[in-house]
Amino acid sequence: MKGSKLAELYDANNENALYWTDGKVVYFRENKIKNVDIDSFEQFPGCWAKDKNYCYSGGSKLKDGDSLTFEVLNYAFAKDKNNVWTLEGRIPEADTKTFEVCDTGKKSLGITFVFIENNKKTR
């Protein structure tokens, strides 16, 4: 999946604006993320992002994530040369060389994300 630059406003109805910046700080939704390199920051569909130093799932840094080899596989999974992650964390038994996704990942965790007018996740 291809990354994109940061939005300038948060929009809960736009999956490409969950990460945003005021020009000084990067936010995930309404929460500040500390020590982000704004110039190299890329967001991916869903809750994945990276900068030149770190990889992110939502507002959390992925421990031992390798930013140079980080790739987002779908909405639920990402990997780098050493690890495979789901939105719930690292999958220790996953083999990074052979791990593949089978779909978009929107239903992988048993939850369907639906954007609705009052900005709540449902189902």
PDB file of N, CA and C in Angstrom:
ATOM      1  N   MET A   1       0.844  -1.181   0.000  1.00  0.00           N
ATOM      2  CA  MET A   1       0.000   0.000   0.000  1.00  0.00           C
ATOM      3  C   MET A   1       0.887   1.242   0.000  1.00  0.00           C
ATOM      4  N   LYS A   2       0.490   2.226  -0.727  1.00  0.00           N
ATOM      5  CA  LYS A   2       1.258   3.448  -0.857  1.00  0.00           C
ATOM      6  C   LYS A   2       0.914   4.427   0.262  1.00  0.00           C
ATOM      7  N   GLY A   3       1.933   5.122   0.734  1.00  0.00           N
ATOM      8  CA  GLY A   3       1.743   6.117   1.777  1.00  0.00           C
ATOM      9  C   GLY A   3       1.401   7.477   1.199  1.00  0.00           C
ATOM     10  N   SER A   4       0.970   8.366   2.074  1.00  0.00           N
ATOM     11  CA  SER A   4       0.652   9.724   1.650  1.00  0.00           C
ATOM     12  C   SER A   4       1.105  10.717   2.715  1.00  0.00           C
ATOM     13  N   LYS A   5       1.185  11.972   2.306  1.00  0.00           N
ATOM     14  CA  LYS A   5       1.575  13.036   3.236  1.00  0.00           C
ATOM     15  C   LYS A   5       0.454  13.315   4.226  1.00  0.00           C
ATOM     16  N   LEU A   6       0.787  14.063   5.239  1.00  0.00           N
ATOM     17  CA  LEU A   6      -0.153  14.371   6.315  1.00  0.00           C
ATOM     18  C   LEU A   6      -1.249  15.339   5.918  1.00  0.00           C
ATOM     19  N   ALA A   7      -2.414  15.103   6.461  1.00  0.00           N
ATOM     20  CA  ALA A   7      -3.521  16.046   6.323  1.00  0.00           C
ATOM     21  C   ALA A   7      -3.239  17.248   7.224  1.00  0.00           C
ATOM     22  N   GLU A   8      -3.914  18.336   6.964  1.00  0.00           N
ATOM     23  CA  GLU A   8      -3.757  19.519   7.802  1.00  0.00           C
ATOM     24  C   GLU A   8      -4.904  19.689   8.786  1.00  0.00           C
ATOM     25  N   LEU A   9      -5.931  18.859   8.640  1.00  0.00           N
ATOM     26  CA  LEU A   9      -7.058  18.856   9.562  1.00  0.00           C
ATOM     27  C   LEU A   9      -7.475  17.417   9.826  1.00  0.00           C
ATOM     28  N   TYR A  10      -7.930  17.140  11.024  1.00  0.00           N
ATOM     29  CA  TYR A  10      -8.449  15.820  11.368  1.00  0.00           C
ATOM     30  C   TYR A  10      -9.857  15.684  10.831  1.00  0.00           C
ATOM     31  N   ASP A  11     -10.125  14.567  10.166  1.00  0.00           N
ATOM     32  CA  ASP A  11     -11.462  14.279   9.660  1.00  0.00           C
ATOM     33  C   ASP A  11     -11.753  12.813   9.931  1.00  0.00           C
ATOM     34  N   ALA A  12     -12.584  12.527  10.930  1.00  0.00           N
ATOM     35  CA  ALA A  12     -12.893  11.154  11.330  1.00  0.00           C
ATOM     36  C   ALA A  12     -13.584  10.366  10.228  1.00  0.00           C
ATOM     37  N   ASN A  13     -14.124  11.042   9.231  1.00  0.00           N
ATOM     38  CA  ASN A  13     -14.790  10.366   8.122  1.00  0.00           C
ATOM     39  C   ASN A  13     -13.856  10.065   6.961  1.00  0.00           C
ATOM     40  N   ASN A  14     -12.603  10.469   7.078  1.00  0.00           N
ATOM     41  CA  ASN A  14     -11.639  10.276   6.004  1.00  0.00           C
ATOM     42  C   ASN A  14     -10.475   9.440   6.530  1.00  0.00           C
ATOM     43  N   GLU A  15     -10.361   8.192   6.067  1.00  0.00           N
ATOM     44  CA  GLU A  15      -9.294   7.316   6.561  1.00  0.00           C
ATOM     45  C   GLU A  15      -7.899   7.840   6.232  1.00  0.00           C
ATOM     46  N   ASN A  16      -7.778   8.792   5.310  1.00  0.00           N
ATOM     47  CA  ASN A  16      -6.486   9.387   4.983  1.00  0.00           C
ATOM     48  C   ASN A  16      -6.217  10.658   5.777  1.00  0.00           C
ATOM     49  N   ALA A  17      -7.062  10.954   6.758  1.00  0.00           N
ATOM     50  CA  ALA A  17      -6.852  12.132   7.598  1.00  0.00           C
ATOM     51  C   ALA A  17      -6.903  11.771   9.076  1.00  0.00           C
ATOM     52  N   LEU A  18      -6.639  10.510   9.410  1.00  0.00           N
ATOM     53  CA  LEU A  18      -6.587  10.111  10.823  1.00  0.00           C
ATOM     54  C   LEU A  18      -5.301  10.626  11.464  1.00  0.00           C
ATOM     55  N   TYR A  19      -4.224  10.681  10.681  1.00  0.00           N
ATOM     56  CA  TYR A  19      -2.991  11.356  11.089  1.00  0.00           C
ATOM     57  C   TYR A  19      -3.034  12.742  10.469  1.00  0.00           C
ATOM     58  N   TRP A  20      -2.647  13.742  11.236  1.00  0.00           N
ATOM     59  CA  TRP A  20      -2.657  15.104  10.708  1.00  0.00           C
ATOM     60  C   TRP A  20      -1.655  15.948  11.477  1.00  0.00           C
ATOM     61  N   THR A  21      -1.397  17.132  10.984  1.00  0.00           N
ATOM     62  CA  THR A  21      -0.427  18.007  11.635  1.00  0.00           C
ATOM     63  C   THR A  21      -0.923  19.446  11.654  1.00  0.00           C
ATOM     64  N   ASP A  22      -0.497  20.150  12.672  1.00  0.00           N
ATOM     65  CA  ASP A  22      -0.731  21.590  12.739  1.00  0.00           C
ATOM     66  C   ASP A  22       0.510  22.336  12.272  1.00  0.00           C
ATOM     67  N   GLY A  23       1.478  21.600  11.718  1.00  0.00           N
ATOM     68  CA  GLY A  23       2.733  22.180  11.255  1.00  0.00           C
ATOM     69  C   GLY A  23       3.857  22.049  12.268  1.00  0.00           C
ATOM     70  N   LYS A  24       3.519  21.750  13.510  1.00  0.00           N
ATOM     71  CA  LYS A  24       4.517  21.604  14.568  1.00  0.00           C
ATOM     72  C   LYS A  24       4.506  20.212  15.171  1.00  0.00           C
ATOM     73  N   VAL A  25       3.314  19.631  15.291  1.00  0.00           N
ATOM     74  CA  VAL A  25       3.120  18.351  15.960  1.00  0.00           C
ATOM     75  C   VAL A  25       2.314  17.449  15.032  1.00  0.00           C
ATOM     76  N   VAL A  26       2.581  16.123  15.109  1.00  0.00           N
ATOM     77  CA  VAL A  26       1.759  15.151  14.395  1.00  0.00           C
ATOM     78  C   VAL A  26       0.786  14.554  15.400  1.00  0.00           C
ATOM     79  N   TYR A  27      -0.450  14.386  14.966  1.00  0.00           N
ATOM     80  CA  TYR A  27      -1.505  13.826  15.794  1.00  0.00           C
ATOM     81  C   TYR A  27      -2.046  12.560  15.132  1.00  0.00           C
ATOM     82  N   PHE A  28      -2.494  11.622  15.965  1.00  0.00           N
ATOM     83  CA  PHE A  28      -3.341  10.533  15.495  1.00  0.00           C
ATOM     84  C   PHE A  28      -4.693  10.796  16.128  1.00  0.00           C
ATOM     85  N   ARG A  29      -5.656  11.083  15.300  1.00  0.00           N
ATOM     86  CA  ARG A  29      -6.963  11.557  15.758  1.00  0.00           C
ATOM     87  C   ARG A  29      -6.739  12.809  16.598  1.00  0.00           C
ATOM     88  N   GLU A  30      -7.106  12.806  17.875  1.00  0.00           N
ATOM     89  CA  GLU A  30      -6.903  14.004  18.704  1.00  0.00           C
ATOM     90  C   GLU A  30      -5.655  13.929  19.571  1.00  0.00           C
ATOM     91  N   ASN A  31      -4.862  12.866  19.451  1.00  0.00           N
ATOM     92  CA  ASN A  31      -3.731  12.642  20.356  1.00  0.00           C
ATOM     93  C   ASN A  31      -2.393  12.962  19.711  1.00  0.00           C
ATOM     94  N   LYS A  32      -1.567  13.724  20.441  1.00  0.00           N
ATOM     95  CA  LYS A  32      -0.224  14.058  19.965  1.00  0.00           C
ATOM     96  C   LYS A  32       0.653  12.816  19.965  1.00  0.00           C
ATOM     97  N   ILE A  33       1.527  12.730  18.962  1.00  0.00           N
ATOM     98  CA  ILE A  33       2.537  11.671  18.913  1.00  0.00           C
ATOM     99  C   ILE A  33       3.877  12.353  19.143  1.00  0.00           C
ATOM    100  N   LYS A  34       4.631  11.882  20.107  1.00  0.00           N
ATOM    101  CA  LYS A  34       5.894  12.517  20.476  1.00  0.00           C
ATOM    102  C   LYS A  34       7.037  12.089  19.548  1.00  0.00           C
ATOM    103  N   ASN A  35       7.973  13.000  19.350  1.00  0.00           N
ATOM    104  CA  ASN A  35       9.231  12.755  18.641  1.00  0.00           C
ATOM    105  C   ASN A  35       9.070  12.268  17.204  1.00  0.00           C
ATOM    106  N   VAL A  36       8.107  12.817  16.489  1.00  0.00           N
ATOM    107  CA  VAL A  36       7.879  12.459  15.091  1.00  0.00           C
ATOM    108  C   VAL A  36       8.700  13.368  14.190  1.00  0.00           C
ATOM    109  N   ASP A  37       9.269  12.804  13.132  1.00  0.00           N
ATOM    110  CA  ASP A  37       9.921  13.600  12.101  1.00  0.00           C
ATOM    111  C   ASP A  37       8.845  13.962  11.065  1.00  0.00           C
ATOM    112  N   ILE A  38       8.343  15.184  11.159  1.00  0.00           N
ATOM    113  CA  ILE A  38       7.231  15.608  10.298  1.00  0.00           C
ATOM    114  C   ILE A  38       7.602  15.539   8.824  1.00  0.00           C
ATOM    115  N   ASP A  39       8.821  15.915   8.472  1.00  0.00           N
ATOM    116  CA  ASP A  39       9.217  15.971   7.066  1.00  0.00           C
ATOM    117  C   ASP A  39       9.228  14.611   6.379  1.00  0.00           C
ATOM    118  N   SER A  40       9.522  13.539   7.119  1.00  0.00           N
ATOM    119  CA  SER A  40       9.574  12.212   6.498  1.00  0.00           C
ATOM    120  C   SER A  40       8.336  11.369   6.808  1.00  0.00           C
ATOM    121  N   PHE A  41       7.382  11.917   7.539  1.00  0.00           N
ATOM    122  CA  PHE A  41       6.215  11.158   7.984  1.00  0.00           C
ATOM    123  C   PHE A  41       5.306  10.792   6.815  1.00  0.00           C
ATOM    124  N   GLU A  42       4.921   9.518   6.754  1.00  0.00           N
ATOM    125  CA  GLU A  42       3.959   9.027   5.763  1.00  0.00           C
ATOM    126  C   GLU A  42       2.865   8.272   6.488  1.00  0.00           C
ATOM    127  N   GLN A  43       1.623   8.485   6.080  1.00  0.00           N
ATOM    128  CA  GLN A  43       0.514   7.710   6.615  1.00  0.00           C
ATOM    129  C   GLN A  43       0.035   6.751   5.538  1.00  0.00           C
ATOM    130  N   PHE A  44      -0.499   5.627   5.984  1.00  0.00           N
ATOM    131  CA  PHE A  44      -1.009   4.606   5.077  1.00  0.00           C
ATOM    132  C   PHE A  44      -2.479   4.379   5.394  1.00  0.00           C
ATOM    133  N   PRO A  45      -3.216   3.767   4.482  1.00  0.00           N
ATOM    134  CA  PRO A  45      -4.626   3.491   4.781  1.00  0.00           C
ATOM    135  C   PRO A  45      -4.785   2.751   6.111  1.00  0.00           C
ATOM    136  N   GLY A  46      -5.796   3.136   6.840  1.00  0.00           N
ATOM    137  CA  GLY A  46      -6.010   2.558   8.154  1.00  0.00           C
ATOM    138  C   GLY A  46      -5.195   3.296   9.191  1.00  0.00           C
ATOM    139  N   CYS A  47      -4.621   2.569  10.116  1.00  0.00           N
ATOM    140  CA  CYS A  47      -3.929   3.170  11.263  1.00  0.00           C
ATOM    141  C   CYS A  47      -2.415   3.050  11.207  1.00  0.00           C
ATOM    142  N   TRP A  48      -1.834   2.826  10.055  1.00  0.00           N
ATOM    143  CA  TRP A  48      -0.392   2.625   9.917  1.00  0.00           C
ATOM    144  C   TRP A  48       0.308   3.890   9.452  1.00  0.00           C
ATOM    145  N   ALA A  49       1.555   4.080   9.906  1.00  0.00           N
ATOM    146  CA  ALA A  49       2.363   5.223   9.476  1.00  0.00           C
ATOM    147  C   ALA A  49       3.829   4.930   9.758  1.00  0.00           C
ATOM    148  N   LYS A  50       4.696   5.768   9.214  1.00  0.00           N
ATOM    149  CA  LYS A  50       6.127   5.685   9.515  1.00  0.00           C
ATOM    150  C   LYS A  50       6.767   7.029   9.256  1.00  0.00           C
ATOM    151  N   ASP A  51       7.925   7.246   9.873  1.00  0.00           N
ATOM    152  CA  ASP A  51       8.801   8.354   9.518  1.00  0.00           C
ATOM    153  C   ASP A  51      10.197   7.759   9.377  1.00  0.00           C
ATOM    154  N   LYS A  52      11.222   8.569   9.249  1.00  0.00           N
ATOM    155  CA  LYS A  52      12.560   8.022   9.016  1.00  0.00           C
ATOM    156  C   LYS A  52      13.110   7.250  10.215  1.00  0.00           C
ATOM    157  N   ASN A  53      12.490   7.415  11.383  1.00  0.00           N
ATOM    158  CA  ASN A  53      12.997   6.775  12.593  1.00  0.00           C
ATOM    159  C   ASN A  53      12.114   5.670  13.162  1.00  0.00           C
ATOM    160  N   TYR A  54      10.814   5.779  12.992  1.00  0.00           N
ATOM    161  CA  TYR A  54       9.882   4.880  13.664  1.00  0.00           C
ATOM    162  C   TYR A  54       8.766   4.422  12.734  1.00  0.00           C
ATOM    163  N   CYS A  55       8.106   3.333  13.145  1.00  0.00           N
ATOM    164  CA  CYS A  55       6.888   2.838  12.507  1.00  0.00           C
ATOM    165  C   CYS A  55       5.779   2.965  13.551  1.00  0.00           C
ATOM    166  N   TYR A  56       4.548   3.203  13.081  1.00  0.00           N
ATOM    167  CA  TYR A  56       3.436   3.485  13.996  1.00  0.00           C
ATOM    168  C   TYR A  56       2.202   2.662  13.660  1.00  0.00           C
ATOM    169  N   SER A  57       1.488   2.298  14.708  1.00  0.00           N
ATOM    170  CA  SER A  57       0.128   1.774  14.602  1.00  0.00           C
ATOM    171  C   SER A  57      -0.715   2.683  15.467  1.00  0.00           C
ATOM    172  N   GLY A  58      -1.541   3.498  14.841  1.00  0.00           N
ATOM    173  CA  GLY A  58      -2.248   4.524  15.590  1.00  0.00           C
ATOM    174  C   GLY A  58      -1.243   5.489  16.189  1.00  0.00           C
ATOM    175  N   GLY A  59      -1.415   5.824  17.438  1.00  0.00           N
ATOM    176  CA  GLY A  59      -0.498   6.739  18.102  1.00  0.00           C
ATOM    177  C   GLY A  59       0.683   6.062  18.771  1.00  0.00           C
ATOM    178  N   SER A  60       0.829   4.748  18.583  1.00  0.00           N
ATOM    179  CA  SER A  60       1.901   3.988  19.248  1.00  0.00           C
ATOM    180  C   SER A  60       3.029   3.645  18.300  1.00  0.00           C
ATOM    181  N   LYS A  61       4.251   3.774  18.808  1.00  0.00           N
ATOM    182  CA  LYS A  61       5.425   3.340  18.046  1.00  0.00           C
ATOM    183  C   LYS A  61       5.521   1.820  18.121  1.00  0.00           C
ATOM    184  N   LEU A  62       5.875   1.199  17.005  1.00  0.00           N
ATOM    185  CA  LEU A  62       6.066  -0.247  16.980  1.00  0.00           C
ATOM    186  C   LEU A  62       7.477  -0.550  17.478  1.00  0.00           C
ATOM    187  N   LYS A  63       7.573  -1.243  18.601  1.00  0.00           N
ATOM    188  CA  LYS A  63       8.861  -1.559  19.198  1.00  0.00           C
ATOM    189  C   LYS A  63       9.680  -2.403  18.220  1.00  0.00           C
ATOM    190  N   ASP A  64      10.905  -1.988  17.973  1.00  0.00           N
ATOM    191  CA  ASP A  64      11.839  -2.659  17.071  1.00  0.00           C
ATOM    192  C   ASP A  64      11.404  -2.613  15.612  1.00  0.00           C
ATOM    193  N   GLY A  65      10.518  -1.690  15.263  1.00  0.00           N
ATOM    194  CA  GLY A  65      10.123  -1.535  13.864  1.00  0.00           C
ATOM    195  C   GLY A  65      11.255  -0.936  13.050  1.00  0.00           C
ATOM    196  N   ASP A  66      11.459  -1.451  11.842  1.00  0.00           N
ATOM    197  CA  ASP A  66      12.492  -0.954  10.947  1.00  0.00           C
ATOM    198  C   ASP A  66      11.845  -0.092   9.870  1.00  0.00           C
ATOM    199  N   SER A  67      12.007   1.200   9.982  1.00  0.00           N
ATOM    200  CA  SER A  67      11.353   2.144   9.085  1.00  0.00           C
ATOM    201  C   SER A  67      11.770   1.970   7.624  1.00  0.00           C
ATOM    202  N   LEU A  68      13.003   1.573   7.392  1.00  0.00           N
ATOM    203  CA  LEU A  68      13.475   1.416   6.011  1.00  0.00           C
ATOM    204  C   LEU A  68      12.797   0.268   5.273  1.00  0.00           C
ATOM    205  N   THR A  69      12.460  -0.809   5.981  1.00  0.00           N
ATOM    206  CA  THR A  69      11.856  -1.970   5.317  1.00  0.00           C
ATOM    207  C   THR A  69      10.372  -2.144   5.641  1.00  0.00           C
ATOM    208  N   PHE A  70       9.800  -1.209   6.374  1.00  0.00           N
ATOM    209  CA  PHE A  70       8.396  -1.286   6.773  1.00  0.00           C
ATOM    210  C   PHE A  70       7.485  -1.215   5.558  1.00  0.00           C
ATOM    211  N   GLU A  71       6.546  -2.137   5.480  1.00  0.00           N
ATOM    212  CA  GLU A  71       5.538  -2.099   4.421  1.00  0.00           C
ATOM    213  C   GLU A  71       4.182  -2.476   4.978  1.00  0.00           C
ATOM    214  N   VAL A  72       3.179  -1.750   4.550  1.00  0.00           N
ATOM    215  CA  VAL A  72       1.808  -2.015   4.970  1.00  0.00           C
ATOM    216  C   VAL A  72       1.208  -2.992   3.980  1.00  0.00           C
ATOM    217  N   LEU A  73       0.672  -4.094   4.502  1.00  0.00           N
ATOM    218  CA  LEU A  73       0.121  -5.147   3.657  1.00  0.00           C
ATOM    219  C   LEU A  73      -1.364  -4.951   3.388  1.00  0.00           C
ATOM    220  N   ASN A  74      -2.087  -4.491   4.397  1.00  0.00           N
ATOM    221  CA  ASN A  74      -3.513  -4.177   4.268  1.00  0.00           C
ATOM    222  C   ASN A  74      -3.925  -3.383   5.506  1.00  0.00           C
ATOM    223  N   TYR A  75      -5.202  -3.222   5.749  1.00  0.00           N
ATOM    224  CA  TYR A  75      -5.662  -2.437   6.892  1.00  0.00           C
ATOM    225  C   TYR A  75      -5.283  -3.056   8.233  1.00  0.00           C
ATOM    226  N   ALA A  76      -5.091  -4.367   8.284  1.00  0.00           N
ATOM    227  CA  ALA A  76      -4.853  -5.051   9.554  1.00  0.00           C
ATOM    228  C   ALA A  76      -3.415  -5.512   9.768  1.00  0.00           C
ATOM    229  N   PHE A  77      -2.604  -5.609   8.706  1.00  0.00           N
ATOM    230  CA  PHE A  77      -1.262  -6.178   8.828  1.00  0.00           C
ATOM    231  C   PHE A  77      -0.194  -5.314   8.170  1.00  0.00           C
ATOM    232  N   ALA A  78       0.983  -5.318   8.795  1.00  0.00           N
ATOM    233  CA  ALA A  78       2.172  -4.655   8.251  1.00  0.00           C
ATOM    234  C   ALA A  78       3.376  -5.506   8.627  1.00  0.00           C
ATOM    235  N   LYS A  79       4.497  -5.297   7.934  1.00  0.00           N
ATOM    236  CA  LYS A  79       5.709  -6.043   8.275  1.00  0.00           C
ATOM    237  C   LYS A  79       6.941  -5.232   7.906  1.00  0.00           C
ATOM    238  N   ASP A  80       8.070  -5.660   8.462  1.00  0.00           N
ATOM    239  CA  ASP A  80       9.369  -5.161   8.052  1.00  0.00           C
ATOM    240  C   ASP A  80      10.297  -6.372   7.958  1.00  0.00           C
ATOM    241  N   LYS A  81      11.590  -6.176   7.868  1.00  0.00           N
ATOM    242  CA  LYS A  81      12.503  -7.305   7.687  1.00  0.00           C
ATOM    243  C   LYS A  81      12.550  -8.252   8.890  1.00  0.00           C
ATOM    244  N   ASN A  82      12.090  -7.795  10.051  1.00  0.00           N
ATOM    245  CA  ASN A  82      12.193  -8.600  11.267  1.00  0.00           C
ATOM    246  C   ASN A  82      10.876  -9.028  11.896  1.00  0.00           C
ATOM    247  N   ASN A  83       9.794  -8.319  11.618  1.00  0.00           N
ATOM    248  CA  ASN A  83       8.543  -8.519  12.343  1.00  0.00           C
ATOM    249  C   ASN A  83       7.323  -8.434  11.441  1.00  0.00           C
ATOM    250  N   VAL A  84       6.243  -9.085  11.897  1.00  0.00           N
ATOM    251  CA  VAL A  84       4.914  -8.920  11.302  1.00  0.00           C
ATOM    252  C   VAL A  84       4.016  -8.413  12.419  1.00  0.00           C
ATOM    253  N   TRP A  85       3.222  -7.385  12.103  1.00  0.00           N
ATOM    254  CA  TRP A  85       2.306  -6.812  13.087  1.00  0.00           C
ATOM    255  C   TRP A  85       0.873  -6.881  12.598  1.00  0.00           C
ATOM    256  N   THR A  86      -0.036  -6.998  13.561  1.00  0.00           N
ATOM    257  CA  THR A  86      -1.446  -6.747  13.350  1.00  0.00           C
ATOM    258  C   THR A  86      -1.756  -5.523  14.193  1.00  0.00           C
ATOM    259  N   LEU A  87      -2.950  -4.999  14.092  1.00  0.00           N
ATOM    260  CA  LEU A  87      -3.289  -3.812  14.870  1.00  0.00           C
ATOM    261  C   LEU A  87      -3.198  -4.056  16.375  1.00  0.00           C
ATOM    262  N   GLU A  88      -3.253  -5.299  16.779  1.00  0.00           N
ATOM    263  CA  GLU A  88      -3.156  -5.652  18.197  1.00  0.00           C
ATOM    264  C   GLU A  88      -1.717  -5.829  18.670  1.00  0.00           C
ATOM    265  N   GLY A  89      -0.736  -5.820  17.770  1.00  0.00           N
ATOM    266  CA  GLY A  89       0.662  -5.956  18.162  1.00  0.00           C
ATOM    267  C   GLY A  89       1.431  -6.916  17.272  1.00  0.00           C
ATOM    268  N   ARG A  90       2.649  -7.209  17.677  1.00  0.00           N
ATOM    269  CA  ARG A  90       3.551  -8.074  16.915  1.00  0.00           C
ATOM    270  C   ARG A  90       3.078  -9.523  16.972  1.00  0.00           C
ATOM    271  N   ILE A  91       3.274 -10.236  15.874  1.00  0.00           N
ATOM    272  CA  ILE A  91       2.945 -11.659  15.818  1.00  0.00           C
ATOM    273  C   ILE A  91       4.276 -12.408  15.890  1.00  0.00           C
ATOM    274  N   PRO A  92       4.672 -12.874  17.074  1.00  0.00           N
ATOM    275  CA  PRO A  92       6.009 -13.434  17.248  1.00  0.00           C
ATOM    276  C   PRO A  92       6.309 -14.669  16.390  1.00  0.00           C
ATOM    277  N   GLU A  93       5.305 -15.491  16.113  1.00  0.00           N
ATOM    278  CA  GLU A  93       5.543 -16.718  15.357  1.00  0.00           C
ATOM    279  C   GLU A  93       5.472 -16.536  13.845  1.00  0.00           C
ATOM    280  N   ALA A  94       5.167 -15.328  13.362  1.00  0.00           N
ATOM    281  CA  ALA A  94       5.029 -15.089  11.921  1.00  0.00           C
ATOM    282  C   ALA A  94       6.399 -15.010  11.248  1.00  0.00           C
ATOM    283  N   ASP A  95       6.501 -15.613  10.086  1.00  0.00           N
ATOM    284  CA  ASP A  95       7.720 -15.564   9.275  1.00  0.00           C
ATOM    285  C   ASP A  95       7.594 -14.409   8.289  1.00  0.00           C
ATOM    286  N   THR A  96       8.428 -13.408   8.421  1.00  0.00           N
ATOM    287  CA  THR A  96       8.327 -12.211   7.583  1.00  0.00           C
ATOM    288  C   THR A  96       8.562 -12.500   6.105  1.00  0.00           C
ATOM    289  N   LYS A  97       9.317 -13.525   5.807  1.00  0.00           N
ATOM    290  CA  LYS A  97       9.610 -13.836   4.399  1.00  0.00           C
ATOM    291  C   LYS A  97       8.436 -14.500   3.682  1.00  0.00           C
ATOM    292  N   THR A  98       7.611 -15.237   4.406  1.00  0.00           N
ATOM    293  CA  THR A  98       6.520 -15.973   3.756  1.00  0.00           C
ATOM    294  C   THR A  98       5.131 -15.458   4.114  1.00  0.00           C
ATOM    295  N   PHE A  99       5.027 -14.523   5.058  1.00  0.00           N
ATOM    296  CA  PHE A  99       3.715 -14.033   5.488  1.00  0.00           C
ATOM    297  C   PHE A  99       3.030 -13.287   4.356  1.00  0.00           C
ATOM    298  N   GLU A 100       1.785 -13.652   4.067  1.00  0.00           N
ATOM    299  CA  GLU A 100       0.980 -12.990   3.041  1.00  0.00           C
ATOM    300  C   GLU A 100      -0.411 -12.711   3.601  1.00  0.00           C
ATOM    301  N   VAL A 101      -1.040 -11.678   3.084  1.00  0.00           N
ATOM    302  CA  VAL A 101      -2.425 -11.393   3.449  1.00  0.00           C
ATOM    303  C   VAL A 101      -3.345 -11.925   2.363  1.00  0.00           C
ATOM    304  N   CYS A 102      -4.576 -12.186   2.743  1.00  0.00           N
ATOM    305  CA  CYS A 102      -5.534 -12.789   1.816  1.00  0.00           C
ATOM    306  C   CYS A 102      -6.627 -11.834   1.356  1.00  0.00           C
ATOM    307  N   ASP A 103      -6.747 -10.679   2.007  1.00  0.00           N
ATOM    308  CA  ASP A 103      -7.808  -9.737   1.657  1.00  0.00           C
ATOM    309  C   ASP A 103      -7.393  -8.333   2.064  1.00  0.00           C
ATOM    310  N   THR A 104      -8.328  -7.428   2.095  1.00  0.00           N
ATOM    311  CA  THR A 104      -8.038  -6.032   2.435  1.00  0.00           C
ATOM    312  C   THR A 104      -7.759  -5.822   3.913  1.00  0.00           C
ATOM    313  N   GLY A 105      -8.147  -6.790   4.753  1.00  0.00           N
ATOM    314  CA  GLY A 105      -7.925  -6.671   6.186  1.00  0.00           C
ATOM    315  C   GLY A 105      -8.981  -5.900   6.935  1.00  0.00           C
ATOM    316  N   LYS A 106      -9.975  -5.389   6.263  1.00  0.00           N
ATOM    317  CA  LYS A 106     -11.001  -4.601   6.959  1.00  0.00           C
ATOM    318  C   LYS A 106     -11.832  -5.448   7.905  1.00  0.00           C
ATOM    319  N   LYS A 107     -11.935  -6.748   7.656  1.00  0.00           N
ATOM    320  CA  LYS A 107     -12.730  -7.610   8.531  1.00  0.00           C
ATOM    321  C   LYS A 107     -11.871  -8.633   9.273  1.00  0.00           C
ATOM    322  N   SER A 108     -10.559  -8.515   9.198  1.00  0.00           N
ATOM    323  CA  SER A 108      -9.656  -9.506   9.776  1.00  0.00           C
ATOM    324  C   SER A 108      -9.778  -9.664  11.284  1.00  0.00           C
ATOM    325  N   LEU A 109     -10.138  -8.619  11.970  1.00  0.00           N
ATOM    326  CA  LEU A 109     -10.219  -8.682  13.428  1.00  0.00           C
ATOM    327  C   LEU A 109     -11.632  -8.937  13.916  1.00  0.00           C
ATOM    328  N   GLY A 110     -12.519  -9.282  12.983  1.00  0.00           N
ATOM    329  CA  GLY A 110     -13.887  -9.561  13.371  1.00  0.00           C
ATOM    330  C   GLY A 110     -14.724  -8.318  13.561  1.00  0.00           C
ATOM    331  N   ILE A 111     -14.210  -7.181  13.157  1.00  0.00           N
ATOM    332  CA  ILE A 111     -14.911  -5.912  13.305  1.00  0.00           C
ATOM    333  C   ILE A 111     -15.024  -5.280  11.921  1.00  0.00           C
ATOM    334  N   THR A 112     -16.169  -4.764  11.600  1.00  0.00           N
ATOM    335  CA  THR A 112     -16.321  -4.006  10.373  1.00  0.00           C
ATOM    336  C   THR A 112     -16.298  -2.532  10.740  1.00  0.00           C
ATOM    337  N   PHE A 113     -15.389  -1.776  10.122  1.00  0.00           N
ATOM    338  CA  PHE A 113     -15.312  -0.350  10.394  1.00  0.00           C
ATOM    339  C   PHE A 113     -16.199   0.382   9.403  1.00  0.00           C
ATOM    340  N   VAL A 114     -17.137   1.113   9.931  1.00  0.00           N
ATOM    341  CA  VAL A 114     -18.055   1.866   9.097  1.00  0.00           C
ATOM    342  C   VAL A 114     -18.012   3.306   9.572  1.00  0.00           C
ATOM    343  N   PHE A 115     -17.708   4.232   8.667  1.00  0.00           N
ATOM    344  CA  PHE A 115     -17.729   5.635   9.032  1.00  0.00           C
ATOM    345  C   PHE A 115     -19.159   6.134   8.896  1.00  0.00           C
ATOM    346  N   ILE A 116     -19.667   6.714   9.977  1.00  0.00           N
ATOM    347  CA  ILE A 116     -21.029   7.235   9.970  1.00  0.00           C
ATOM    348  C   ILE A 116     -21.001   8.676  10.460  1.00  0.00           C
ATOM    349  N   GLU A 117     -22.083   9.349  10.352  1.00  0.00           N
ATOM    350  CA  GLU A 117     -22.128  10.778  10.634  1.00  0.00           C
ATOM    351  C   GLU A 117     -21.622  11.184  12.009  1.00  0.00           C
ATOM    352  N   ASN A 118     -21.899  10.409  13.041  1.00  0.00           N
ATOM    353  CA  ASN A 118     -21.471  10.809  14.373  1.00  0.00           C
ATOM    354  C   ASN A 118     -20.081  10.283  14.715  1.00  0.00           C
ATOM    355  N   ASN A 119     -19.328   9.817  13.713  1.00  0.00           N
ATOM    356  CA  ASN A 119     -17.913   9.450  13.845  1.00  0.00           C
ATOM    357  C   ASN A 119     -17.646   8.297  14.792  1.00  0.00           C
ATOM    358  N   LYS A 120     -18.570   7.355  14.920  1.00  0.00           N
ATOM    359  CA  LYS A 120     -18.362   6.195  15.774  1.00  0.00           C
ATOM    360  C   LYS A 120     -18.143   4.959  14.931  1.00  0.00           C
ATOM    361  N   LYS A 121     -17.269   4.080  15.433  1.00  0.00           N
ATOM    362  CA  LYS A 121     -17.075   2.793  14.777  1.00  0.00           C
ATOM    363  C   LYS A 121     -18.198   1.857  15.222  1.00  0.00           C
ATOM    364  N   THR A 122     -18.757   1.129  14.288  1.00  0.00           N
ATOM    365  CA  THR A 122     -19.856   0.258  14.633  1.00  0.00           C
ATOM    366  C   THR A 122     -19.616  -1.151  14.121  1.00  0.00           C
ATOM    367  N   ARG A 123     -20.483  -2.045  14.525  1.00  0.00           N
ATOM    368  CA  ARG A 123     -20.547  -3.460  14.144  1.00  0.00           C
ATOM    369  C   ARG A 123     -19.474  -4.248  14.790  1.00  0.00           C
TER     370      ARG A 123
END
